[in-house]
Structure formats: C-alpha cells, structure tokens
Amino acid sequence: MAKAKKLFTIGYEQTPSRAVLDELENAGVKLLVDVRAVTSSRRPGFSKNQLAAGLDERGIAYLHPREELDELSALVKKSSPVCLLCYERDHTHCHRQWIAEIIEDRDEVKVENLAAKQV
C-alpha cells in the first residue's frame, strides 16, 4: 500500500518569521500555500514578497492561490510535502483547518499541524 501524502498547516501568530521558516524546513516542506485572503502583514517577514524571498532562500516554493480548491488538491497530489499558511496559531480557529480537512477527505492525505516556537 502506498504511503499517504502529507499536508501540513502552520500559523504565524506570535511567532517570528525565522522560527516559521525553520519549522517548515525541518518538516521538509517543498511548497508553502498561503491561504490568507490578504497577503500583506504588519509582522516583519510575513508580507507576500518578504515571505516568498525567505522561503526561496531555503528552497521552498511559494504560492497564493485564488480560492481554487481543485488547484490546491492537484498540488498536494504532485508536489508533496505542501503546507498551508495562515495567521492564526491555533489551527482549530482558522479556515486553513477547513481547507485541510476537505483535501484530507478528497485525496486521502494525512494532515499534520505544525507549530513554530513563539516569541
């Protein structure tokens, strides 16, 4: 039986960008999918361009899709491991959990919620 693909999620609330990048790299993430409605942030390192540059330095690709669940599903199938990023630290209080559960059910992937060290 084939090994189930993983789909990670992570939130950056109260977490420095370096800690998030370290957590992604340690988990072996190859593609970060930013599911925030707005990709700007007052937190240093988390606006779209800054985040993409920091990820690129670690060999992690960045994508901000536009409500395309089918596109995301296809990416998870072919570009593993993928991680969904949003602001809320607690995945149970964030829409990324809902997205992850849909992908988990549709594509039989295993979801793992990452948590980087807080400040």
PDB file of N, CA and C in Angstrom:
ATOM      1  N   MET A   1       0.838  -1.191   0.000  1.00  0.00           N
ATOM      2  CA  MET A   1       0.000   0.000   0.000  1.00  0.00           C
ATOM      3  C   MET A   1       0.879   1.249   0.000  1.00  0.00           C
ATOM      4  N   ALA A   2       0.520   2.221  -0.808  1.00  0.00           N
ATOM      5  CA  ALA A   2       1.306   3.449  -0.935  1.00  0.00           C
ATOM      6  C   ALA A   2       1.220   4.281   0.346  1.00  0.00           C
ATOM      7  N   LYS A   3       2.320   4.932   0.643  1.00  0.00           N
ATOM      8  CA  LYS A   3       2.377   5.811   1.805  1.00  0.00           C
ATOM      9  C   LYS A   3       1.536   7.057   1.545  1.00  0.00           C
ATOM     10  N   ALA A   4       0.701   7.439   2.514  1.00  0.00           N
ATOM     11  CA  ALA A   4      -0.161   8.614   2.350  1.00  0.00           C
ATOM     12  C   ALA A   4       0.687   9.882   2.289  1.00  0.00           C
ATOM     13  N   LYS A   5       0.312  10.765   1.384  1.00  0.00           N
ATOM     14  CA  LYS A   5       0.993  12.059   1.288  1.00  0.00           C
ATOM     15  C   LYS A   5       0.598  12.896   2.492  1.00  0.00           C
ATOM     16  N   LYS A   6       1.499  13.817   2.868  1.00  0.00           N
ATOM     17  CA  LYS A   6       1.236  14.696   3.996  1.00  0.00           C
ATOM     18  C   LYS A   6       0.846  16.078   3.508  1.00  0.00           C
ATOM     19  N   LEU A   7      -0.042  16.682   4.251  1.00  0.00           N
ATOM     20  CA  LEU A   7      -0.390  18.089   4.066  1.00  0.00           C
ATOM     21  C   LEU A   7      -0.203  18.745   5.419  1.00  0.00           C
ATOM     22  N   PHE A   8       0.722  19.687   5.488  1.00  0.00           N
ATOM     23  CA  PHE A   8       0.985  20.404   6.720  1.00  0.00           C
ATOM     24  C   PHE A   8       0.175  21.689   6.756  1.00  0.00           C
ATOM     25  N   THR A   9      -0.048  22.207   7.967  1.00  0.00           N
ATOM     26  CA  THR A   9      -0.595  23.550   8.129  1.00  0.00           C
ATOM     27  C   THR A   9       0.253  24.255   9.187  1.00  0.00           C
ATOM     28  N   ILE A  10       0.293  25.584   9.096  1.00  0.00           N
ATOM     29  CA  ILE A  10       1.024  26.366  10.092  1.00  0.00           C
ATOM     30  C   ILE A  10       0.428  27.768  10.168  1.00  0.00           C
ATOM     31  N   GLY A  11       0.430  28.333  11.367  1.00  0.00           N
ATOM     32  CA  GLY A  11       0.023  29.716  11.588  1.00  0.00           C
ATOM     33  C   GLY A  11       1.190  30.475  12.192  1.00  0.00           C
ATOM     34  N   TYR A  12       1.268  31.765  11.931  1.00  0.00           N
ATOM     35  CA  TYR A  12       2.435  32.527  12.389  1.00  0.00           C
ATOM     36  C   TYR A  12       2.141  33.509  13.519  1.00  0.00           C
ATOM     37  N   GLU A  13       0.949  33.449  14.080  1.00  0.00           N
ATOM     38  CA  GLU A  13       0.589  34.341  15.188  1.00  0.00           C
ATOM     39  C   GLU A  13       1.602  34.202  16.331  1.00  0.00           C
ATOM     40  N   GLN A  14       2.124  35.333  16.803  1.00  0.00           N
ATOM     41  CA  GLN A  14       3.082  35.393  17.913  1.00  0.00           C
ATOM     42  C   GLN A  14       4.352  34.581  17.650  1.00  0.00           C
ATOM     43  N   THR A  15       4.730  34.483  16.373  1.00  0.00           N
ATOM     44  CA  THR A  15       5.897  33.686  16.005  1.00  0.00           C
ATOM     45  C   THR A  15       6.780  34.488  15.054  1.00  0.00           C
ATOM     46  N   PRO A  16       8.084  34.554  15.297  1.00  0.00           N
ATOM     47  CA  PRO A  16       8.966  35.265  14.370  1.00  0.00           C
ATOM     48  C   PRO A  16       9.119  34.493  13.058  1.00  0.00           C
ATOM     49  N   SER A  17       9.369  35.218  11.983  1.00  0.00           N
ATOM     50  CA  SER A  17       9.456  34.589  10.671  1.00  0.00           C
ATOM     51  C   SER A  17      10.539  33.519  10.619  1.00  0.00           C
ATOM     52  N   ARG A  18      11.663  33.750  11.248  1.00  0.00           N
ATOM     53  CA  ARG A  18      12.745  32.759  11.240  1.00  0.00           C
ATOM     54  C   ARG A  18      12.280  31.434  11.842  1.00  0.00           C
ATOM     55  N   ALA A  19      11.502  31.485  12.914  1.00  0.00           N
ATOM     56  CA  ALA A  19      11.015  30.255  13.545  1.00  0.00           C
ATOM     57  C   ALA A  19      10.064  29.497  12.619  1.00  0.00           C
ATOM     58  N   VAL A  20       9.218  30.230  11.904  1.00  0.00           N
ATOM     59  CA  VAL A  20       8.298  29.592  10.955  1.00  0.00           C
ATOM     60  C   VAL A  20       9.086  28.950   9.824  1.00  0.00           C
ATOM     61  N   LEU A  21      10.052  29.679   9.270  1.00  0.00           N
ATOM     62  CA  LEU A  21      10.877  29.142   8.193  1.00  0.00           C
ATOM     63  C   LEU A  21      11.662  27.915   8.654  1.00  0.00           C
ATOM     64  N   ASP A  22      12.191  27.959   9.866  1.00  0.00           N
ATOM     65  CA  ASP A  22      12.900  26.800  10.423  1.00  0.00           C
ATOM     66  C   ASP A  22      11.974  25.592  10.533  1.00  0.00           C
ATOM     67  N   GLU A  23      10.772  25.818  11.027  1.00  0.00           N
ATOM     68  CA  GLU A  23       9.804  24.733  11.204  1.00  0.00           C
ATOM     69  C   GLU A  23       9.434  24.099   9.861  1.00  0.00           C
ATOM     70  N   LEU A  24       9.217  24.939   8.851  1.00  0.00           N
ATOM     71  CA  LEU A  24       8.898  24.438   7.508  1.00  0.00           C
ATOM     72  C   LEU A  24      10.051  23.622   6.940  1.00  0.00           C
ATOM     73  N   GLU A  25      11.262  24.154   7.083  1.00  0.00           N
ATOM     74  CA  GLU A  25      12.434  23.459   6.559  1.00  0.00           C
ATOM     75  C   GLU A  25      12.645  22.122   7.277  1.00  0.00           C
ATOM     76  N   ASN A  26      12.511  22.119   8.591  1.00  0.00           N
ATOM     77  CA  ASN A  26      12.685  20.892   9.370  1.00  0.00           C
ATOM     78  C   ASN A  26      11.646  19.833   9.021  1.00  0.00           C
ATOM     79  N   ALA A  27      10.451  20.260   8.621  1.00  0.00           N
ATOM     80  CA  ALA A  27       9.391  19.320   8.241  1.00  0.00           C
ATOM     81  C   ALA A  27       9.560  18.812   6.811  1.00  0.00           C
ATOM     82  N   GLY A  28      10.474  19.421   6.064  1.00  0.00           N
ATOM     83  CA  GLY A  28      10.710  19.000   4.687  1.00  0.00           C
ATOM     84  C   GLY A  28       9.719  19.565   3.692  1.00  0.00           C
ATOM     85  N   VAL A  29       9.063  20.663   4.051  1.00  0.00           N
ATOM     86  CA  VAL A  29       8.081  21.285   3.167  1.00  0.00           C
ATOM     87  C   VAL A  29       8.774  21.791   1.899  1.00  0.00           C
ATOM     88  N   LYS A  30       8.159  21.544   0.749  1.00  0.00           N
ATOM     89  CA  LYS A  30       8.700  21.980  -0.541  1.00  0.00           C
ATOM     90  C   LYS A  30       7.865  23.087  -1.185  1.00  0.00           C
ATOM     91  N   LEU A  31       6.594  23.226  -0.723  1.00  0.00           N
ATOM     92  CA  LEU A  31       5.704  24.252  -1.267  1.00  0.00           C
ATOM     93  C   LEU A  31       4.844  24.810  -0.143  1.00  0.00           C
ATOM     94  N   LEU A  32       4.885  26.134   0.041  1.00  0.00           N
ATOM     95  CA  LEU A  32       4.027  26.803   1.010  1.00  0.00           C
ATOM     96  C   LEU A  32       2.880  27.447   0.251  1.00  0.00           C
ATOM     97  N   VAL A  33       1.667  27.101   0.623  1.00  0.00           N
ATOM     98  CA  VAL A  33       0.477  27.681   0.010  1.00  0.00           C
ATOM     99  C   VAL A  33      -0.128  28.651   1.017  1.00  0.00           C
ATOM    100  N   ASP A  34      -0.083  29.915   0.678  1.00  0.00           N
ATOM    101  CA  ASP A  34      -0.568  30.998   1.526  1.00  0.00           C
ATOM    102  C   ASP A  34      -2.073  31.126   1.321  1.00  0.00           C
ATOM    103  N   VAL A  35      -2.858  30.758   2.331  1.00  0.00           N
ATOM    104  CA  VAL A  35      -4.319  30.788   2.189  1.00  0.00           C
ATOM    105  C   VAL A  35      -4.944  32.021   2.854  1.00  0.00           C
ATOM    106  N   ARG A  36      -4.119  33.017   3.158  1.00  0.00           N
ATOM    107  CA  ARG A  36      -4.655  34.266   3.704  1.00  0.00           C
ATOM    108  C   ARG A  36      -5.401  35.004   2.597  1.00  0.00           C
ATOM    109  N   ALA A  37      -6.478  35.664   2.960  1.00  0.00           N
ATOM    110  CA  ALA A  37      -7.221  36.465   1.982  1.00  0.00           C
ATOM    111  C   ALA A  37      -6.372  37.649   1.518  1.00  0.00           C
ATOM    112  N   VAL A  38      -5.623  38.231   2.436  1.00  0.00           N
ATOM    113  CA  VAL A  38      -4.758  39.376   2.148  1.00  0.00           C
ATOM    114  C   VAL A  38      -3.330  38.971   2.489  1.00  0.00           C
ATOM    115  N   THR A  39      -2.419  39.137   1.545  1.00  0.00           N
ATOM    116  CA  THR A  39      -1.046  38.668   1.746  1.00  0.00           C
ATOM    117  C   THR A  39      -0.110  39.726   2.312  1.00  0.00           C
ATOM    118  N   SER A  40      -0.649  40.814   2.783  1.00  0.00           N
ATOM    119  CA  SER A  40       0.189  41.801   3.463  1.00  0.00           C
ATOM    120  C   SER A  40       0.085  41.540   4.966  1.00  0.00           C
ATOM    121  N   SER A  41       1.119  41.958   5.681  1.00  0.00           N
ATOM    122  CA  SER A  41       1.140  41.735   7.123  1.00  0.00           C
ATOM    123  C   SER A  41       1.961  42.822   7.784  1.00  0.00           C
ATOM    124  N   ARG A  42       1.559  43.199   8.974  1.00  0.00           N
ATOM    125  CA  ARG A  42       2.350  44.150   9.755  1.00  0.00           C
ATOM    126  C   ARG A  42       3.502  43.441  10.458  1.00  0.00           C
ATOM    127  N   ARG A  43       3.454  42.124  10.492  1.00  0.00           N
ATOM    128  CA  ARG A  43       4.513  41.338  11.123  1.00  0.00           C
ATOM    129  C   ARG A  43       5.706  41.235  10.180  1.00  0.00           C
ATOM    130  N   PRO A  44       6.902  41.580  10.637  1.00  0.00           N
ATOM    131  CA  PRO A  44       8.087  41.518   9.791  1.00  0.00           C
ATOM    132  C   PRO A  44       8.300  40.111   9.219  1.00  0.00           C
ATOM    133  N   GLY A  45       8.520  40.061   7.900  1.00  0.00           N
ATOM    134  CA  GLY A  45       8.818  38.800   7.243  1.00  0.00           C
ATOM    135  C   GLY A  45       7.620  38.042   6.719  1.00  0.00           C
ATOM    136  N   PHE A  46       6.411  38.559   6.942  1.00  0.00           N
ATOM    137  CA  PHE A  46       5.224  37.803   6.547  1.00  0.00           C
ATOM    138  C   PHE A  46       4.398  38.436   5.429  1.00  0.00           C
ATOM    139  N   SER A  47       4.817  39.588   4.910  1.00  0.00           N
ATOM    140  CA  SER A  47       4.162  40.099   3.704  1.00  0.00           C
ATOM    141  C   SER A  47       4.598  39.216   2.542  1.00  0.00           C
ATOM    142  N   LYS A  48       3.772  39.146   1.528  1.00  0.00           N
ATOM    143  CA  LYS A  48       3.976  38.216   0.414  1.00  0.00           C
ATOM    144  C   LYS A  48       5.411  38.190  -0.122  1.00  0.00           C
ATOM    145  N   ASN A  49       5.958  39.331  -0.488  1.00  0.00           N
ATOM    146  CA  ASN A  49       7.291  39.365  -1.096  1.00  0.00           C
ATOM    147  C   ASN A  49       8.393  38.973  -0.114  1.00  0.00           C
ATOM    148  N   GLN A  50       8.292  39.451   1.124  1.00  0.00           N
ATOM    149  CA  GLN A  50       9.282  39.085   2.142  1.00  0.00           C
ATOM    150  C   GLN A  50       9.219  37.590   2.442  1.00  0.00           C
ATOM    151  N   LEU A  51       8.023  37.068   2.579  1.00  0.00           N
ATOM    152  CA  LEU A  51       7.835  35.650   2.869  1.00  0.00           C
ATOM    153  C   LEU A  51       8.367  34.796   1.725  1.00  0.00           C
ATOM    154  N   ALA A  52       8.007  35.152   0.499  1.00  0.00           N
ATOM    155  CA  ALA A  52       8.465  34.396  -0.671  1.00  0.00           C
ATOM    156  C   ALA A  52       9.995  34.397  -0.763  1.00  0.00           C
ATOM    157  N   ALA A  53      10.621  35.534  -0.464  1.00  0.00           N
ATOM    158  CA  ALA A  53      12.087  35.626  -0.516  1.00  0.00           C
ATOM    159  C   ALA A  53      12.726  34.745   0.555  1.00  0.00           C
ATOM    160  N   GLY A  54      12.194  34.775   1.765  1.00  0.00           N
ATOM    161  CA  GLY A  54      12.723  33.936   2.844  1.00  0.00           C
ATOM    162  C   GLY A  54      12.567  32.452   2.552  1.00  0.00           C
ATOM    163  N   LEU A  55      11.444  32.091   1.962  1.00  0.00           N
ATOM    164  CA  LEU A  55      11.215  30.697   1.581  1.00  0.00           C
ATOM    165  C   LEU A  55      12.173  30.274   0.483  1.00  0.00           C
ATOM    166  N   ASP A  56      12.359  31.149  -0.502  1.00  0.00           N
ATOM    167  CA  ASP A  56      13.235  30.850  -1.633  1.00  0.00           C
ATOM    168  C   ASP A  56      14.662  30.563  -1.164  1.00  0.00           C
ATOM    169  N   GLU A  57      15.118  31.303  -0.172  1.00  0.00           N
ATOM    170  CA  GLU A  57      16.461  31.082   0.380  1.00  0.00           C
ATOM    171  C   GLU A  57      16.616  29.676   0.956  1.00  0.00           C
ATOM    172  N   ARG A  58      15.509  29.054   1.313  1.00  0.00           N
ATOM    173  CA  ARG A  58      15.530  27.711   1.910  1.00  0.00           C
ATOM    174  C   ARG A  58      15.064  26.636   0.932  1.00  0.00           C
ATOM    175  N   GLY A  59      14.864  27.028  -0.320  1.00  0.00           N
ATOM    176  CA  GLY A  59      14.460  26.048  -1.322  1.00  0.00           C
ATOM    177  C   GLY A  59      12.999  25.641  -1.241  1.00  0.00           C
ATOM    178  N   ILE A  60      12.165  26.524  -0.689  1.00  0.00           N
ATOM    179  CA  ILE A  60      10.737  26.263  -0.570  1.00  0.00           C
ATOM    180  C   ILE A  60       9.990  27.208  -1.502  1.00  0.00           C
ATOM    181  N   ALA A  61       9.130  26.649  -2.337  1.00  0.00           N
ATOM    182  CA  ALA A  61       8.339  27.464  -3.268  1.00  0.00           C
ATOM    183  C   ALA A  61       7.171  28.121  -2.531  1.00  0.00           C
ATOM    184  N   TYR A  62       6.655  29.206  -3.112  1.00  0.00           N
ATOM    185  CA  TYR A  62       5.548  29.966  -2.516  1.00  0.00           C
ATOM    186  C   TYR A  62       4.426  30.115  -3.536  1.00  0.00           C
ATOM    187  N   LEU A  63       3.188  29.984  -3.059  1.00  0.00           N
ATOM    188  CA  LEU A  63       2.026  30.158  -3.925  1.00  0.00           C
ATOM    189  C   LEU A  63       0.889  30.774  -3.124  1.00  0.00           C
ATOM    190  N   HIS A  64       0.192  31.733  -3.740  1.00  0.00           N
ATOM    191  CA  HIS A  64      -1.014  32.303  -3.150  1.00  0.00           C
ATOM    192  C   HIS A  64      -2.157  32.105  -4.147  1.00  0.00           C
ATOM    193  N   PRO A  65      -2.903  31.001  -4.010  1.00  0.00           N
ATOM    194  CA  PRO A  65      -3.987  30.725  -4.963  1.00  0.00           C
ATOM    195  C   PRO A  65      -5.212  31.584  -4.683  1.00  0.00           C
ATOM    196  N   ARG A  66      -6.138  31.624  -5.637  1.00  0.00           N
ATOM    197  CA  ARG A  66      -7.377  32.391  -5.501  1.00  0.00           C
ATOM    198  C   ARG A  66      -8.556  31.438  -5.397  1.00  0.00           C
ATOM    199  N   GLU A  67      -8.820  30.963  -4.191  1.00  0.00           N
ATOM    200  CA  GLU A  67      -9.994  30.110  -3.934  1.00  0.00           C
ATOM    201  C   GLU A  67     -10.107  28.950  -4.925  1.00  0.00           C
ATOM    202  N   GLU A  68      -9.021  28.314  -5.245  1.00  0.00           N
ATOM    203  CA  GLU A  68      -9.002  27.207  -6.199  1.00  0.00           C
ATOM    204  C   GLU A  68      -8.718  25.910  -5.470  1.00  0.00           C
ATOM    205  N   LEU A  69      -9.748  25.296  -4.922  1.00  0.00           N
ATOM    206  CA  LEU A  69      -9.586  24.055  -4.176  1.00  0.00           C
ATOM    207  C   LEU A  69      -9.092  22.926  -5.078  1.00  0.00           C
ATOM    208  N   ASP A  70      -9.544  22.887  -6.323  1.00  0.00           N
ATOM    209  CA  ASP A  70      -9.088  21.852  -7.247  1.00  0.00           C
ATOM    210  C   ASP A  70      -7.598  22.011  -7.554  1.00  0.00           C
ATOM    211  N   GLU A  71      -7.153  23.255  -7.714  1.00  0.00           N
ATOM    212  CA  GLU A  71      -5.732  23.524  -7.954  1.00  0.00           C
ATOM    213  C   GLU A  71      -4.901  23.074  -6.755  1.00  0.00           C
ATOM    214  N   LEU A  72      -5.356  23.403  -5.567  1.00  0.00           N
ATOM    215  CA  LEU A  72      -4.660  23.020  -4.352  1.00  0.00           C
ATOM    216  C   LEU A  72      -4.600  21.500  -4.222  1.00  0.00           C
ATOM    217  N   SER A  73      -5.699  20.846  -4.501  1.00  0.00           N
ATOM    218  CA  SER A  73      -5.761  19.391  -4.441  1.00  0.00           C
ATOM    219  C   SER A  73      -4.743  18.763  -5.391  1.00  0.00           C
ATOM    220  N   ALA A  74      -4.644  19.277  -6.590  1.00  0.00           N
ATOM    221  CA  ALA A  74      -3.686  18.765  -7.569  1.00  0.00           C
ATOM    222  C   ALA A  74      -2.252  18.991  -7.102  1.00  0.00           C
ATOM    223  N   LEU A  75      -1.982  20.147  -6.496  1.00  0.00           N
ATOM    224  CA  LEU A  75      -0.639  20.437  -5.995  1.00  0.00           C
ATOM    225  C   LEU A  75      -0.238  19.481  -4.880  1.00  0.00           C
ATOM    226  N   VAL A  76      -1.163  19.196  -3.996  1.00  0.00           N
ATOM    227  CA  VAL A  76      -0.880  18.278  -2.888  1.00  0.00           C
ATOM    228  C   VAL A  76      -0.565  16.887  -3.428  1.00  0.00           C
ATOM    229  N   LYS A  77      -1.271  16.484  -4.476  1.00  0.00           N
ATOM    230  CA  LYS A  77      -1.038  15.161  -5.076  1.00  0.00           C
ATOM    231  C   LYS A  77       0.333  15.057  -5.725  1.00  0.00           C
ATOM    232  N   LYS A  78       0.790  16.151  -6.377  1.00  0.00           N
ATOM    233  CA  LYS A  78       2.046  16.050  -7.127  1.00  0.00           C
ATOM    234  C   LYS A  78       3.242  16.720  -6.465  1.00  0.00           C
ATOM    235  N   SER A  79       3.038  17.679  -5.590  1.00  0.00           N
ATOM    236  CA  SER A  79       4.148  18.459  -5.015  1.00  0.00           C
ATOM    237  C   SER A  79       4.235  18.279  -3.508  1.00  0.00           C
ATOM    238  N   SER A  80       4.466  17.112  -3.076  1.00  0.00           N
ATOM    239  CA  SER A  80       4.483  16.876  -1.641  1.00  0.00           C
ATOM    240  C   SER A  80       5.887  17.091  -1.099  1.00  0.00           C
ATOM    241  N   PRO A  81       6.064  17.517   0.114  1.00  0.00           N
ATOM    242  CA  PRO A  81       5.043  17.967   1.041  1.00  0.00           C
ATOM    243  C   PRO A  81       4.686  19.442   0.862  1.00  0.00           C
ATOM    244  N   VAL A  82       3.404  19.705   1.057  1.00  0.00           N
ATOM    245  CA  VAL A  82       2.821  21.037   0.925  1.00  0.00           C
ATOM    246  C   VAL A  82       2.378  21.493   2.311  1.00  0.00           C
ATOM    247  N   CYS A  83       2.444  22.800   2.557  1.00  0.00           N
ATOM    248  CA  CYS A  83       1.985  23.357   3.832  1.00  0.00           C
ATOM    249  C   CYS A  83       1.075  24.551   3.563  1.00  0.00           C
ATOM    250  N   LEU A  84      -0.057  24.598   4.256  1.00  0.00           N
ATOM    251  CA  LEU A  84      -0.970  25.740   4.199  1.00  0.00           C
ATOM    252  C   LEU A  84      -0.581  26.717   5.294  1.00  0.00           C
ATOM    253  N   LEU A  85      -0.484  27.999   4.948  1.00  0.00           N
ATOM    254  CA  LEU A  85      -0.130  29.026   5.924  1.00  0.00           C
ATOM    255  C   LEU A  85      -1.262  30.025   6.081  1.00  0.00           C
ATOM    256  N   CYS A  86      -1.532  30.386   7.330  1.00  0.00           N
ATOM    257  CA  CYS A  86      -2.429  31.486   7.646  1.00  0.00           C
ATOM    258  C   CYS A  86      -1.929  32.125   8.937  1.00  0.00           C
ATOM    259  N   TYR A  87      -2.649  33.097   9.441  1.00  0.00           N
ATOM    260  CA  TYR A  87      -2.191  33.839  10.611  1.00  0.00           C
ATOM    261  C   TYR A  87      -2.400  33.092  11.927  1.00  0.00           C
ATOM    262  N   GLU A  88      -3.597  32.600  12.193  1.00  0.00           N
ATOM    263  CA  GLU A  88      -3.946  32.047  13.498  1.00  0.00           C
ATOM    264  C   GLU A  88      -3.039  30.885  13.893  1.00  0.00           C
ATOM    265  N   ARG A  89      -2.486  30.955  15.073  1.00  0.00           N
ATOM    266  CA  ARG A  89      -1.602  29.892  15.565  1.00  0.00           C
ATOM    267  C   ARG A  89      -2.374  28.589  15.778  1.00  0.00           C
ATOM    268  N   ASP A  90      -3.548  28.690  16.376  1.00  0.00           N
ATOM    269  CA  ASP A  90      -4.365  27.510  16.671  1.00  0.00           C
ATOM    270  C   ASP A  90      -5.176  27.139  15.431  1.00  0.00           C
ATOM    271  N   HIS A  91      -4.821  26.031  14.827  1.00  0.00           N
ATOM    272  CA  HIS A  91      -5.465  25.619  13.575  1.00  0.00           C
ATOM    273  C   HIS A  91      -6.959  25.383  13.735  1.00  0.00           C
ATOM    274  N   THR A  92      -7.425  25.098  14.941  1.00  0.00           N
ATOM    275  CA  THR A  92      -8.859  24.849  15.134  1.00  0.00           C
ATOM    276  C   THR A  92      -9.686  26.123  15.050  1.00  0.00           C
ATOM    277  N   HIS A  93      -9.025  27.275  15.092  1.00  0.00           N
ATOM    278  CA  HIS A  93      -9.716  28.559  14.980  1.00  0.00           C
ATOM    279  C   HIS A  93      -9.423  29.249  13.651  1.00  0.00           C
ATOM    280  N   CYS A  94      -9.037  28.479  12.653  1.00  0.00           N
ATOM    281  CA  CYS A  94      -8.621  29.061  11.378  1.00  0.00           C
ATOM    282  C   CYS A  94      -9.258  28.313  10.209  1.00  0.00           C
ATOM    283  N   HIS A  95      -9.548  29.059   9.145  1.00  0.00           N
ATOM    284  CA  HIS A  95     -10.151  28.441   7.963  1.00  0.00           C
ATOM    285  C   HIS A  95      -9.212  27.456   7.276  1.00  0.00           C
ATOM    286  N   ARG A  96      -7.903  27.518   7.555  1.00  0.00           N
ATOM    287  CA  ARG A  96      -6.992  26.552   6.923  1.00  0.00           C
ATOM    288  C   ARG A  96      -7.302  25.124   7.366  1.00  0.00           C
ATOM    289  N   GLN A  97      -7.862  24.967   8.563  1.00  0.00           N
ATOM    290  CA  GLN A  97      -8.248  23.639   9.037  1.00  0.00           C
ATOM    291  C   GLN A  97      -9.380  23.079   8.176  1.00  0.00           C
ATOM    292  N   TRP A  98     -10.334  23.915   7.833  1.00  0.00           N
ATOM    293  CA  TRP A  98     -11.450  23.504   6.979  1.00  0.00           C
ATOM    294  C   TRP A  98     -10.924  23.083   5.607  1.00  0.00           C
ATOM    295  N   ILE A  99     -10.001  23.864   5.051  1.00  0.00           N
ATOM    296  CA  ILE A  99      -9.411  23.537   3.756  1.00  0.00           C
ATOM    297  C   ILE A  99      -8.650  22.206   3.856  1.00  0.00           C
ATOM    298  N   ALA A 100      -7.850  22.058   4.901  1.00  0.00           N
ATOM    299  CA  ALA A 100      -7.067  20.832   5.088  1.00  0.00           C
ATOM    300  C   ALA A 100      -7.972  19.608   5.210  1.00  0.00           C
ATOM    301  N   GLU A 101      -9.074  19.735   5.925  1.00  0.00           N
ATOM    302  CA  GLU A 101      -9.995  18.605   6.096  1.00  0.00           C
ATOM    303  C   GLU A 101     -10.643  18.198   4.776  1.00  0.00           C
ATOM    304  N   ILE A 102     -10.971  19.163   3.946  1.00  0.00           N
ATOM    305  CA  ILE A 102     -11.550  18.847   2.631  1.00  0.00           C
ATOM    306  C   ILE A 102     -10.534  18.083   1.786  1.00  0.00           C
ATOM    307  N   ILE A 103      -9.292  18.568   1.755  1.00  0.00           N
ATOM    308  CA  ILE A 103      -8.239  17.911   0.975  1.00  0.00           C
ATOM    309  C   ILE A 103      -7.967  16.519   1.556  1.00  0.00           C
ATOM    310  N   GLU A 104      -7.964  16.419   2.866  1.00  0.00           N
ATOM    311  CA  GLU A 104      -7.723  15.129   3.527  1.00  0.00           C
ATOM    312  C   GLU A 104      -8.775  14.101   3.109  1.00  0.00           C
ATOM    313  N   ASP A 105     -10.028  14.506   3.110  1.00  0.00           N
ATOM    314  CA  ASP A 105     -11.115  13.599   2.726  1.00  0.00           C
ATOM    315  C   ASP A 105     -11.095  13.279   1.236  1.00  0.00           C
ATOM    316  N   ARG A 106     -10.874  14.282   0.414  1.00  0.00           N
ATOM    317  CA  ARG A 106     -10.888  14.097  -1.051  1.00  0.00           C
ATOM    318  C   ARG A 106      -9.735  13.260  -1.550  1.00  0.00           C
ATOM    319  N   ASP A 107      -8.569  13.517  -1.015  1.00  0.00           N
ATOM    320  CA  ASP A 107      -7.352  12.963  -1.592  1.00  0.00           C
ATOM    321  C   ASP A 107      -6.620  11.976  -0.688  1.00  0.00           C
ATOM    322  N   GLU A 108      -7.235  11.656   0.435  1.00  0.00           N
ATOM    323  CA  GLU A 108      -6.666  10.684   1.362  1.00  0.00           C
ATOM    324  C   GLU A 108      -5.234  11.024   1.760  1.00  0.00           C
ATOM    325  N   VAL A 109      -5.032  12.269   2.140  1.00  0.00           N
ATOM    326  CA  VAL A 109      -3.732  12.706   2.649  1.00  0.00           C
ATOM    327  C   VAL A 109      -3.804  12.771   4.164  1.00  0.00           C
ATOM    328  N   LYS A 110      -2.645  12.784   4.789  1.00  0.00           N
ATOM    329  CA  LYS A 110      -2.578  12.902   6.236  1.00  0.00           C
ATOM    330  C   LYS A 110      -2.215  14.346   6.576  1.00  0.00           C
ATOM    331  N   VAL A 111      -3.046  14.991   7.400  1.00  0.00           N
ATOM    332  CA  VAL A 111      -2.806  16.379   7.787  1.00  0.00           C
ATOM    333  C   VAL A 111      -2.027  16.414   9.102  1.00  0.00           C
ATOM    334  N   GLU A 112      -0.991  17.258   9.111  1.00  0.00           N
ATOM    335  CA  GLU A 112      -0.206  17.468  10.331  1.00  0.00           C
ATOM    336  C   GLU A 112      -0.077  18.959  10.548  1.00  0.00           C
ATOM    337  N   ASN A 113      -0.450  19.419  11.726  1.00  0.00           N
ATOM    338  CA  ASN A 113      -0.405  20.842  12.054  1.00  0.00           C
ATOM    339  C   ASN A 113       0.913  21.172  12.746  1.00  0.00           C
ATOM    340  N   LEU A 114       1.689  22.040  12.127  1.00  0.00           N
ATOM    341  CA  LEU A 114       2.980  22.463  12.668  1.00  0.00           C
ATOM    342  C   LEU A 114       2.782  23.667  13.580  1.00  0.00           C
ATOM    343  N   ALA A 115       3.698  23.834  14.529  1.00  0.00           N
ATOM    344  CA  ALA A 115       3.673  24.993  15.416  1.00  0.00           C
ATOM    345  C   ALA A 115       5.110  25.413  15.685  1.00  0.00           C
ATOM    346  N   ALA A 116       5.492  26.570  15.169  1.00  0.00           N
ATOM    347  CA  ALA A 116       6.838  27.091  15.392  1.00  0.00           C
ATOM    348  C   ALA A 116       6.929  27.709  16.775  1.00  0.00           C
ATOM    349  N   LYS A 117       8.151  27.873  17.267  1.00  0.00           N
ATOM    350  CA  LYS A 117       8.364  28.452  18.593  1.00  0.00           C
ATOM    351  C   LYS A 117       7.880  29.887  18.632  1.00  0.00           C
ATOM    352  N   GLN A 118       7.183  30.216  19.707  1.00  0.00           N
ATOM    353  CA  GLN A 118       6.657  31.572  19.884  1.00  0.00           C
ATOM    354  C   GLN A 118       7.718  32.500  20.442  1.00  0.00           C
ATOM    355  N   VAL A 119       7.447  33.806  20.309  1.00  0.00           N
ATOM    356  CA  VAL A 119       8.352  34.821  20.876  1.00  0.00           C
ATOM    357  C   VAL A 119       8.155  34.888  22.363  1.00  0.00           C
TER     358      VAL A 119
END
